[in-house]
Amino acid sequence: MKKNTFVLGGHETFPFRHGWLKKGIDALTENPKIFSEPNALVKLGVGKNMVRSIRHWCLATGLSEANDGRFSGFSPTLLGEKLMRDDGWDPYLEDAGTLWLLHWQIISNPVRGLVWNLLFTSYPEPEFSRAELFHFLKRRLERQSIRSTDSTVQREMDCCLRTYLPAQKKEKDKLRAIETSVNCPLLDLELIRPLPSEAMLRFSIGTKPTLPKQIVGFAILNYWKGKASHRQTMSIDECLYHQGSPGQAFKLDENSMTDYLFALQETTNGIIRIEETSGIRQIYLDISAQDVETVSLKLLEAYYG
């Protein structure tokens, strides 16, 4: 895929469901071209649009990747294999840490998770209405010279919100109502809450009791590699408030981020640690960019171990 190519609508308006990622990775393990073959509907046990949606979500979560060559199909990534194989870390998404990990994977994928990234790491207010969010997304897509229509933006926004909110059963078409009434596993993260007025939504900002320190460490290392690997330090504000940062993705406040950093300092034997210079706290990363994947996976292995 070319750099700066954004995918809108690949999810076919469906947030991913329990079992979808496992189905997709299992099918790709047997046949890299399964998503383009006629028997995909039978193999995956879903409709044509859902086959495309499963392909999208396997890619958006970084559990699969395109093979070299235009018609070579797709394969599970190392993370996809470790997480989703039958004896893997958590193939059926039974652990809350896995949901946080998948959330981070989507947020940090600006190609297939662009609207998710914009909502969580760029929207400037803790509360918003759907209308306000629509206009924000439209402006940001225009600023990035991404061609879209109002209906495309609306569909992207609706699918993004349904990833974290209960499904609304307002469809007149009964079949469509059934298709859209299944909640996404990420609903359990409770990252977005409807306010009593029902017209407004609010991010849940602050401590996240079910968010493991190892997942935060995984996110910090991968964020640093993508944004600041040319230096060994990163300000806490940068990790907390900048676009695409773990603090924004997980909606942490300064106290909870600091607690995670002190915990990671011990867990990583100082690879991630807080250092104070002239009264200013910074995150110090004692690692090279080439070693980020190895250390990141070790953090996950320590969590699931």
Protein backbone atom coordinates (compact mmCIF):
# COMPACT_ATOMS: atom_id res chain seq x y z
CA MET A 1 0.00 0.00 0.00
CA LYS A 2 1.36 3.41 -0.92
CA LYS A 3 2.33 5.80 1.79
CA ASN A 4 -0.36 8.31 2.75
CA THR A 5 -3.10 6.22 1.12
CA PHE A 6 -6.11 6.24 3.41
CA VAL A 7 -8.83 3.60 3.41
CA LEU A 8 -12.35 4.82 4.11
CA GLY A 9 -15.20 2.33 4.22
CA GLY A 10 -13.21 -0.91 4.19
CA HIS A 11 -15.15 -2.03 7.27
CA GLU A 12 -18.40 -2.04 5.23
CA THR A 13 -20.02 -0.15 8.18
CA PHE A 14 -19.45 -3.11 10.57
CA PRO A 15 -17.36 -2.80 13.74
CA PHE A 16 -15.56 -6.08 14.33
CA ARG A 17 -17.33 -8.77 16.35
CA HIS A 18 -16.35 -11.55 18.72
CA GLY A 19 -14.78 -14.34 16.69
CA TRP A 20 -14.10 -12.32 13.55
CA LEU A 21 -10.38 -11.78 14.06
CA LYS A 22 -9.84 -15.41 14.99
CA LYS A 23 -11.78 -16.54 11.91
CA GLY A 24 -9.82 -14.22 9.66
CA ILE A 25 -6.38 -15.19 10.95
CA ASP A 26 -7.21 -18.92 10.90
CA ALA A 27 -8.43 -18.64 7.29
CA LEU A 28 -5.35 -16.68 6.19
CA THR A 29 -3.06 -19.23 7.82
CA GLU A 30 -4.56 -21.90 5.54
CA ASN A 31 -4.98 -19.76 2.42
CA PRO A 32 -3.45 -16.28 1.93
CA LYS A 33 -5.93 -15.56 -0.88
CA ILE A 34 -9.08 -16.65 0.98
CA PHE A 35 -10.65 -13.18 1.04
CA SER A 36 -10.76 -13.00 -2.76
CA GLU A 37 -11.98 -16.53 -3.38
CA PRO A 38 -15.62 -17.59 -3.94
CA ASN A 39 -15.64 -20.03 -1.00
CA ALA A 40 -14.76 -17.28 1.50
CA LEU A 41 -18.43 -16.89 2.43
CA VAL A 42 -18.69 -20.57 3.32
CA LYS A 43 -15.29 -20.76 4.98
CA LEU A 44 -15.93 -17.74 7.20
CA GLY A 45 -19.65 -18.35 7.63
CA VAL A 46 -20.65 -14.74 6.93
CA GLY A 47 -22.05 -12.62 4.10
CA LYS A 48 -20.04 -11.00 1.32
CA ASN A 49 -19.85 -7.57 2.99
CA MET A 50 -18.75 -9.16 6.26
CA VAL A 51 -15.94 -11.04 4.48
CA ARG A 52 -14.58 -7.67 3.34
CA SER A 53 -15.09 -6.29 6.84
CA ILE A 54 -13.15 -9.15 8.46
CA ARG A 55 -10.31 -8.54 6.00
CA HIS A 56 -10.34 -4.85 6.92
CA TRP A 57 -10.27 -5.44 10.67
CA CYS A 58 -7.48 -8.02 10.47
CA LEU A 59 -5.43 -5.37 8.66
CA ALA A 60 -6.57 -2.43 10.82
CA THR A 61 -5.56 -4.23 14.03
CA GLY A 62 -2.18 -5.17 12.59
CA LEU A 63 -2.91 -8.89 12.92
CA SER A 64 -2.44 -9.40 9.18
CA GLU A 65 -0.54 -7.68 6.39
CA ALA A 66 -0.46 -7.71 2.60
CA ASN A 67 2.07 -10.04 1.01
CA ASP A 68 4.54 -8.76 -1.56
CA GLY A 69 3.00 -8.67 -5.00
CA ARG A 70 -0.36 -7.29 -6.06
CA PHE A 71 -2.22 -10.62 -6.10
CA SER A 72 -0.31 -12.45 -3.38
CA GLY A 73 -2.99 -12.13 -0.72
CA PHE A 74 -2.42 -11.58 3.00
CA SER A 75 -0.67 -13.32 5.89
CA PRO A 76 -0.86 -13.12 9.68
CA THR A 77 1.74 -10.87 11.27
CA LEU A 78 3.89 -12.11 14.14
CA LEU A 79 1.46 -10.41 16.53
CA GLY A 80 -1.48 -12.04 14.76
CA GLU A 81 0.08 -15.49 15.11
CA LYS A 82 1.02 -15.07 18.76
CA LEU A 83 -2.38 -13.68 19.71
CA MET A 84 -4.80 -15.67 17.57
CA ARG A 85 -3.50 -19.18 17.00
CA ASP A 86 -5.33 -21.92 18.92
CA ASP A 87 -2.66 -22.03 21.64
CA GLY A 88 -2.00 -18.29 21.39
CA TRP A 89 -2.15 -15.57 24.00
CA ASP A 90 -5.87 -14.81 23.76
CA PRO A 91 -7.57 -16.01 20.55
CA TYR A 92 -11.10 -15.48 21.88
CA LEU A 93 -10.56 -12.01 23.40
CA GLU A 94 -11.25 -13.14 26.96
CA ASP A 95 -8.66 -10.83 28.52
CA ALA A 96 -9.36 -7.09 28.91
CA GLY A 97 -5.70 -6.39 28.11
CA THR A 98 -6.23 -7.78 24.61
CA LEU A 99 -9.07 -5.32 24.00
CA TRP A 100 -6.82 -2.42 25.03
CA LEU A 101 -4.10 -3.78 22.73
CA LEU A 102 -6.50 -4.01 19.77
CA HIS A 103 -7.78 -0.50 20.51
CA TRP A 104 -4.21 0.81 20.41
CA GLN A 105 -3.51 -1.07 17.17
CA ILE A 106 -6.49 0.58 15.47
CA ILE A 107 -5.75 4.06 16.83
CA SER A 108 -2.11 3.84 15.72
CA ASN A 109 -3.07 2.76 12.18
CA PRO A 110 -3.77 6.06 10.38
CA VAL A 111 -4.28 4.26 7.05
CA ARG A 112 -7.20 2.03 8.05
CA GLY A 113 -8.08 3.63 11.40
CA LEU A 114 -7.88 7.29 10.43
CA VAL A 115 -11.25 8.37 11.85
CA TRP A 116 -10.58 6.39 15.04
CA ASN A 117 -7.20 8.14 15.31
CA LEU A 118 -8.74 11.58 14.76
CA LEU A 119 -11.52 11.00 17.28
CA PHE A 120 -9.31 9.78 20.12
CA THR A 121 -6.10 11.72 19.58
CA SER A 122 -7.13 14.96 17.86
CA TYR A 123 -10.60 15.92 19.03
CA PRO A 124 -9.99 18.87 21.39
CA GLU A 125 -12.91 18.61 23.84
CA PRO A 126 -13.90 15.95 26.42
CA GLU A 127 -17.57 16.20 25.39
CA PHE A 128 -19.11 16.30 21.94
CA SER A 129 -22.31 15.83 19.99
CA ARG A 130 -22.50 13.73 16.87
CA ALA A 131 -23.02 16.87 14.81
CA GLU A 132 -19.91 18.50 16.29
CA LEU A 133 -17.87 15.38 15.63
CA PHE A 134 -19.13 15.16 12.04
CA HIS A 135 -18.03 18.72 11.25
CA PHE A 136 -14.67 18.18 12.96
CA LEU A 137 -13.99 15.03 10.93
CA LYS A 138 -15.07 16.68 7.69
CA ARG A 139 -12.70 19.61 8.29
CA ARG A 140 -9.79 17.35 9.20
CA LEU A 141 -10.25 15.13 6.15
CA GLU A 142 -10.39 18.22 3.93
CA ARG A 143 -7.24 19.58 5.59
CA GLN A 144 -5.46 16.34 4.73
CA SER A 145 -6.75 16.57 1.13
CA ILE A 146 -8.73 13.35 1.51
CA ARG A 147 -11.66 13.33 -0.87
CA SER A 148 -14.92 12.24 0.74
CA THR A 149 -18.64 12.93 0.70
CA ASP A 150 -20.90 13.82 3.60
CA SER A 151 -22.38 10.32 3.48
CA THR A 152 -18.90 8.75 3.62
CA VAL A 153 -17.93 10.86 6.65
CA GLN A 154 -21.24 9.98 8.32
CA ARG A 155 -20.71 6.25 7.78
CA GLU A 156 -17.14 6.40 9.07
CA MET A 157 -18.24 8.33 12.15
CA ASP A 158 -21.17 5.99 12.86
CA CYS A 159 -18.99 2.87 12.56
CA CYS A 160 -16.32 4.43 14.78
CA LEU A 161 -18.80 5.34 17.51
CA ARG A 162 -20.46 1.91 17.33
CA THR A 163 -17.07 0.38 18.08
CA TYR A 164 -17.33 1.84 21.60
CA LEU A 165 -21.06 2.38 22.18
CA PRO A 166 -24.02 -0.04 22.37
CA ALA A 167 -25.74 -0.67 19.05
CA GLN A 168 -28.87 1.34 18.40
CA LYS A 169 -31.78 -0.81 17.27
CA LYS A 170 -33.58 1.72 15.08
CA GLU A 171 -33.34 0.06 11.68
CA LYS A 172 -36.67 -0.42 9.88
CA ASP A 173 -35.27 -3.30 7.84
CA LYS A 174 -35.38 -6.33 10.17
CA LEU A 175 -32.38 -8.08 8.60
CA ARG A 176 -30.33 -4.90 8.73
CA ALA A 177 -31.44 -4.37 12.33
CA ILE A 178 -30.10 -7.81 13.28
CA GLU A 179 -26.83 -7.15 11.42
CA THR A 180 -26.23 -3.84 13.20
CA SER A 181 -27.40 -4.87 16.67
CA VAL A 182 -24.28 -6.83 17.64
CA ASN A 183 -21.87 -4.93 19.88
CA CYS A 184 -18.14 -4.71 19.30
CA PRO A 185 -15.89 -6.23 22.02
CA LEU A 186 -14.30 -2.79 22.56
CA LEU A 187 -17.56 -1.64 24.11
CA ASP A 188 -16.22 -3.20 27.34
CA LEU A 189 -13.49 -0.55 27.53
CA GLU A 190 -16.11 2.14 28.28
CA LEU A 191 -13.96 4.79 26.63
CA ILE A 192 -16.97 6.80 25.45
CA ARG A 193 -20.10 7.30 27.52
CA PRO A 194 -23.44 8.86 26.60
CA LEU A 195 -24.41 11.73 28.88
CA PRO A 196 -27.86 11.79 30.53
CA SER A 197 -29.14 14.20 27.89
CA GLU A 198 -28.40 11.49 25.27
CA ALA A 199 -27.52 14.24 22.80
CA MET A 200 -23.92 14.43 24.02
CA LEU A 201 -21.09 11.93 24.43
CA ARG A 202 -18.08 12.10 26.74
CA PHE A 203 -14.65 10.52 26.80
CA SER A 204 -13.82 8.60 29.98
CA ILE A 205 -10.60 10.34 31.00
CA GLY A 206 -8.42 9.19 33.89
CA THR A 207 -7.46 5.93 35.56
CA LYS A 208 -8.16 2.72 33.64
CA PRO A 209 -8.25 -0.20 36.12
CA THR A 210 -8.28 -2.87 33.37
CA LEU A 211 -5.44 -1.34 31.29
CA PRO A 212 -2.22 -3.33 31.94
CA LYS A 213 1.10 -1.52 32.29
CA GLN A 214 2.64 -3.81 29.67
CA ILE A 215 0.12 -2.65 27.06
CA VAL A 216 0.92 0.97 27.91
CA GLY A 217 4.63 0.15 27.59
CA PHE A 218 4.01 -1.53 24.22
CA ALA A 219 2.18 1.60 23.04
CA ILE A 220 4.86 4.00 24.33
CA LEU A 221 7.65 2.13 22.56
CA ASN A 222 5.79 1.96 19.26
CA TYR A 223 4.71 5.61 19.48
CA TRP A 224 8.31 6.63 20.20
CA LYS A 225 9.62 4.59 17.27
CA GLY A 226 7.20 6.28 14.89
CA LYS A 227 7.58 9.83 16.20
CA ALA A 228 10.85 10.38 18.01
CA SER A 229 13.27 7.48 17.56
CA HIS A 230 16.05 9.95 16.66
CA ARG A 231 16.24 10.94 20.35
CA GLN A 232 16.33 9.05 23.62
CA THR A 233 14.00 11.33 25.60
CA MET A 234 10.37 12.31 25.27
CA SER A 235 8.44 14.70 27.46
CA ILE A 236 5.55 13.33 29.48
CA ASP A 237 3.32 15.94 27.81
CA GLU A 238 4.32 14.60 24.41
CA CYS A 239 3.39 11.06 25.44
CA LEU A 240 0.20 12.28 27.05
CA TYR A 241 -1.28 15.01 24.84
CA HIS A 242 0.15 14.88 21.31
CA GLN A 243 -1.78 13.48 18.38
CA GLY A 244 -1.42 9.71 18.20
CA SER A 245 0.05 9.47 21.70
CA PRO A 246 -0.72 6.65 24.13
CA GLY A 247 -2.11 9.16 26.64
CA GLN A 248 -4.70 10.34 24.13
CA ALA A 249 -5.46 6.87 22.78
CA PHE A 250 -6.12 5.49 26.26
CA LYS A 251 -7.56 8.78 27.60
CA LEU A 252 -5.20 8.90 30.57
CA ASP A 253 -4.61 11.90 32.83
CA GLU A 254 -1.19 13.02 34.05
CA ASN A 255 -1.37 11.16 37.37
CA SER A 256 -2.32 7.84 35.80
CA MET A 257 0.34 8.17 33.07
CA THR A 258 2.98 8.93 35.72
CA ASP A 259 1.91 5.88 37.72
CA TYR A 260 2.26 3.70 34.61
CA LEU A 261 5.72 5.12 33.89
CA PHE A 262 7.01 4.36 37.38
CA ALA A 263 5.58 0.84 37.13
CA LEU A 264 7.20 0.35 33.71
CA GLN A 265 10.54 1.57 35.04
CA GLU A 266 10.61 -1.49 37.28
CA THR A 267 9.03 -3.89 34.79
CA THR A 268 11.46 -3.02 31.97
CA ASN A 269 14.56 -2.77 34.18
CA GLY A 270 14.93 0.87 33.25
CA ILE A 271 14.46 0.57 29.48
CA ILE A 272 11.51 2.93 30.00
CA ARG A 273 12.10 5.27 32.91
CA ILE A 274 11.45 8.75 34.25
CA GLU A 275 14.40 11.11 34.57
CA GLU A 276 14.33 14.59 36.07
CA THR A 277 16.55 17.38 34.74
CA SER A 278 16.34 20.94 36.06
CA GLY A 279 13.06 20.08 37.72
CA ILE A 280 11.52 18.79 34.46
CA ARG A 281 10.42 15.15 34.25
CA GLN A 282 11.04 13.34 30.98
CA ILE A 283 10.68 9.80 29.72
CA TYR A 284 14.03 8.21 28.92
CA LEU A 285 14.11 5.26 26.52
CA ASP A 286 17.25 3.15 26.80
CA ILE A 287 16.74 1.25 23.55
CA SER A 288 17.45 1.54 19.83
CA ALA A 289 14.63 1.82 17.27
CA GLN A 290 15.77 -1.51 15.79
CA ASP A 291 15.05 -3.30 19.07
CA VAL A 292 11.56 -1.87 19.66
CA GLU A 293 9.67 -4.82 18.17
CA THR A 294 11.65 -7.34 20.22
CA VAL A 295 11.23 -5.47 23.50
CA SER A 296 7.56 -4.73 22.75
CA LEU A 297 6.83 -8.41 22.21
CA LYS A 298 8.68 -9.29 25.41
CA LEU A 299 6.38 -6.92 27.28
CA LEU A 300 3.35 -8.69 25.81
CA GLU A 301 4.85 -12.10 26.59
CA ALA A 302 5.40 -10.98 30.18
CA TYR A 303 1.76 -9.92 30.41
CA TYR A 304 0.27 -13.05 28.86
CA GLY A 305 2.99 -15.33 30.21
